[in-house]
Amino acid sequence: MPLCILRVNKQACNNSTHRVSNAIAMKNETSYQRWINPALKKSGISLKELALKAEMDYSALWKIARGNPATYPGSSRPEYDNAVKIGELLGDVEGSLEAAGYTSATSAVESLAVELSQLDADDQQYILNLIRRLSASRGQQSAEPAPTEQQ
């Protein structure tokens, strides 16, 4: 019986509908939601407290943590600075950044190395020379003595 016509089967239909809606919600859950909700529970901080401490708009944070990304496009992850704040408050900055899709410095360097390896030898040498010049100019700037205060 696909329709819940019989009163006896009404509870069974409601339960299966609930299971289906939960499965759909879990499928639509973002990686940030999979990280933040257990982190909130572990820390004992409510979403409202987190919003206050992170100096974020509660409704924006709610959309990130609880909202369906199909309903709230563009709210699947916090901005980088907010991901750092949230991570600091929940005791896991690296987890917050990773869940939000921001790469660590190590993976950024690795991806640049891959990109560089795909260039021809002349382009590789050109880019390496640019990096060396940039490093040298930064080194000269830091080697200059700090200005002294004149009286």
Protein backbone atom coordinates (compact mmCIF):
# COMPACT_ATOMS: atom_id res chain seq x y z
CA MET A 1 0.00 0.00 0.00
CA PRO A 2 1.89 3.09 -1.16
CA LEU A 3 -0.59 5.52 0.37
CA CYS A 4 -1.26 5.55 4.11
CA ILE A 5 -4.95 4.80 3.83
CA LEU A 6 -5.23 2.45 6.75
CA ARG A 7 -4.94 3.97 10.19
CA VAL A 8 -2.83 1.02 11.32
CA ASN A 9 -0.13 1.79 8.74
CA LYS A 10 -0.03 5.53 9.37
CA GLN A 11 2.80 5.31 11.92
CA ALA A 12 4.86 3.08 9.62
CA CYS A 13 4.41 5.56 6.74
CA ASN A 14 5.38 8.50 8.94
CA ASN A 15 8.52 6.68 10.08
CA SER A 16 9.59 5.81 6.54
CA THR A 17 8.94 9.38 5.38
CA HIS A 18 11.03 10.65 8.29
CA ARG A 19 13.86 8.25 7.39
CA VAL A 20 13.75 9.37 3.74
CA SER A 21 13.81 13.06 4.68
CA ASN A 22 16.74 12.43 7.06
CA ALA A 23 18.61 10.58 4.30
CA ILE A 24 18.03 13.48 1.90
CA ALA A 25 19.19 15.99 4.52
CA MET A 26 22.34 13.96 5.17
CA LYS A 27 23.05 13.76 1.43
CA ASN A 28 22.74 17.55 1.13
CA GLU A 29 24.90 18.14 4.20
CA THR A 30 28.07 20.06 3.43
CA SER A 31 31.54 19.04 4.60
CA TYR A 32 31.53 22.07 6.90
CA GLN A 33 28.28 20.93 8.49
CA ARG A 34 29.77 17.48 9.02
CA TRP A 35 32.66 19.17 10.87
CA ILE A 36 30.97 21.99 12.80
CA ASN A 37 27.98 20.18 14.31
CA PRO A 38 30.02 17.50 16.16
CA ALA A 39 32.58 20.19 17.10
CA LEU A 40 29.84 22.31 18.65
CA LYS A 41 28.48 19.34 20.55
CA LYS A 42 31.96 18.39 21.80
CA SER A 43 32.75 21.93 22.95
CA GLY A 44 29.37 22.48 24.61
CA ILE A 45 29.01 25.86 22.88
CA SER A 46 25.67 26.70 21.29
CA LEU A 47 25.50 28.09 17.80
CA LYS A 48 24.25 31.39 19.22
CA GLU A 49 27.20 31.60 21.64
CA LEU A 50 29.59 30.80 18.82
CA ALA A 51 28.11 33.55 16.66
CA LEU A 52 28.54 36.08 19.49
CA LYS A 53 32.11 35.03 20.30
CA ALA A 54 33.11 34.90 16.62
CA GLU A 55 31.39 38.25 16.02
CA MET A 56 29.33 36.75 13.21
CA ASP A 57 25.72 37.25 12.26
CA TYR A 58 23.74 34.39 13.85
CA SER A 59 21.50 33.82 10.83
CA ALA A 60 24.51 33.61 8.50
CA LEU A 61 26.20 31.10 10.81
CA TRP A 62 22.95 29.13 11.12
CA LYS A 63 22.73 28.82 7.33
CA ILE A 64 26.32 27.53 7.24
CA ALA A 65 25.85 25.07 10.12
CA ARG A 66 22.28 23.91 9.66
CA GLY A 67 20.83 25.18 6.41
CA ASN A 68 20.29 23.23 3.23
CA PRO A 69 22.80 24.53 0.65
CA ALA A 70 20.16 24.09 -2.06
CA THR A 71 17.89 26.48 -0.16
CA TYR A 72 20.67 28.92 0.80
CA PRO A 73 23.12 29.02 -2.13
CA GLY A 74 26.52 30.44 -1.25
CA SER A 75 26.23 29.54 2.41
CA SER A 76 28.00 26.20 2.40
CA ARG A 77 31.14 27.49 4.12
CA PRO A 78 32.33 30.51 6.06
CA GLU A 79 34.79 33.04 4.71
CA TYR A 80 38.42 32.25 5.51
CA ASP A 81 38.75 34.66 8.46
CA ASN A 82 35.52 33.38 9.98
CA ALA A 83 36.62 29.76 9.52
CA VAL A 84 39.78 30.63 11.48
CA LYS A 85 37.77 32.32 14.26
CA ILE A 86 35.34 29.42 14.48
CA GLY A 87 38.21 26.94 14.57
CA GLU A 88 39.95 28.88 17.33
CA LEU A 89 36.79 28.99 19.41
CA LEU A 90 36.09 25.28 18.90
CA GLY A 91 39.73 24.28 19.36
CA ASP A 92 40.41 22.98 15.84
CA VAL A 93 41.55 25.63 13.36
CA GLU A 94 43.03 23.11 10.94
CA GLY A 95 39.80 21.06 10.96
CA SER A 96 37.70 24.17 10.37
CA LEU A 97 39.86 25.30 7.45
CA GLU A 98 39.96 21.83 5.92
CA ALA A 99 36.19 21.34 6.23
CA ALA A 100 35.63 24.77 4.67
CA GLY A 101 37.82 23.76 1.73
CA TYR A 102 40.71 26.11 2.39
CA THR A 103 44.07 24.53 1.65
CA SER A 104 46.95 24.48 4.07
CA ALA A 105 50.25 26.09 3.14
CA THR A 106 51.78 22.67 2.54
CA SER A 107 49.15 21.58 0.04
CA ALA A 108 49.34 24.99 -1.67
CA VAL A 109 53.09 24.54 -2.16
CA GLU A 110 52.53 21.00 -3.41
CA SER A 111 49.93 22.16 -5.93
CA LEU A 112 52.29 24.92 -7.13
CA ALA A 113 55.04 22.32 -7.59
CA VAL A 114 52.69 20.21 -9.72
CA GLU A 115 51.75 23.25 -11.80
CA LEU A 116 55.41 24.18 -12.24
CA SER A 117 56.33 20.64 -13.30
CA GLN A 118 53.81 20.84 -16.15
CA LEU A 119 55.51 23.85 -17.73
CA ASP A 120 58.28 23.61 -20.30
CA ALA A 121 61.89 24.15 -19.16
CA ASP A 122 62.08 27.80 -20.29
CA ASP A 123 58.90 28.76 -18.42
CA GLN A 124 60.08 26.87 -15.33
CA GLN A 125 63.38 28.76 -15.37
CA TYR A 126 61.60 32.10 -15.86
CA ILE A 127 59.34 31.48 -12.85
CA LEU A 128 62.23 30.28 -10.69
CA ASN A 129 64.16 33.47 -11.55
CA LEU A 130 61.14 35.57 -10.58
CA ILE A 131 60.92 33.75 -7.23
CA ARG A 132 64.64 34.27 -6.61
CA ARG A 133 64.38 38.00 -7.37
CA LEU A 134 61.37 38.34 -5.09
CA SER A 135 63.15 36.47 -2.29
CA ALA A 136 66.27 38.59 -2.73
CA SER A 137 64.30 41.85 -2.62
CA ARG A 138 62.49 40.73 0.52
CA GLY A 139 65.80 39.76 2.10
CA GLN A 140 67.25 43.19 1.37
CA GLN A 141 64.22 44.88 2.90
CA SER A 142 64.51 42.88 6.10
CA ALA A 143 68.31 43.41 6.26
CA GLU A 144 67.90 47.20 6.29
CA PRO A 145 68.26 48.69 9.77
CA ALA A 146 65.09 49.87 11.41
CA PRO A 147 64.71 53.65 11.42
CA THR A 148 65.69 55.23 14.68
CA GLU A 149 63.58 57.79 16.42
CA GLN A 150 65.06 61.27 16.18
CA GLN A 151 64.82 63.54 19.16
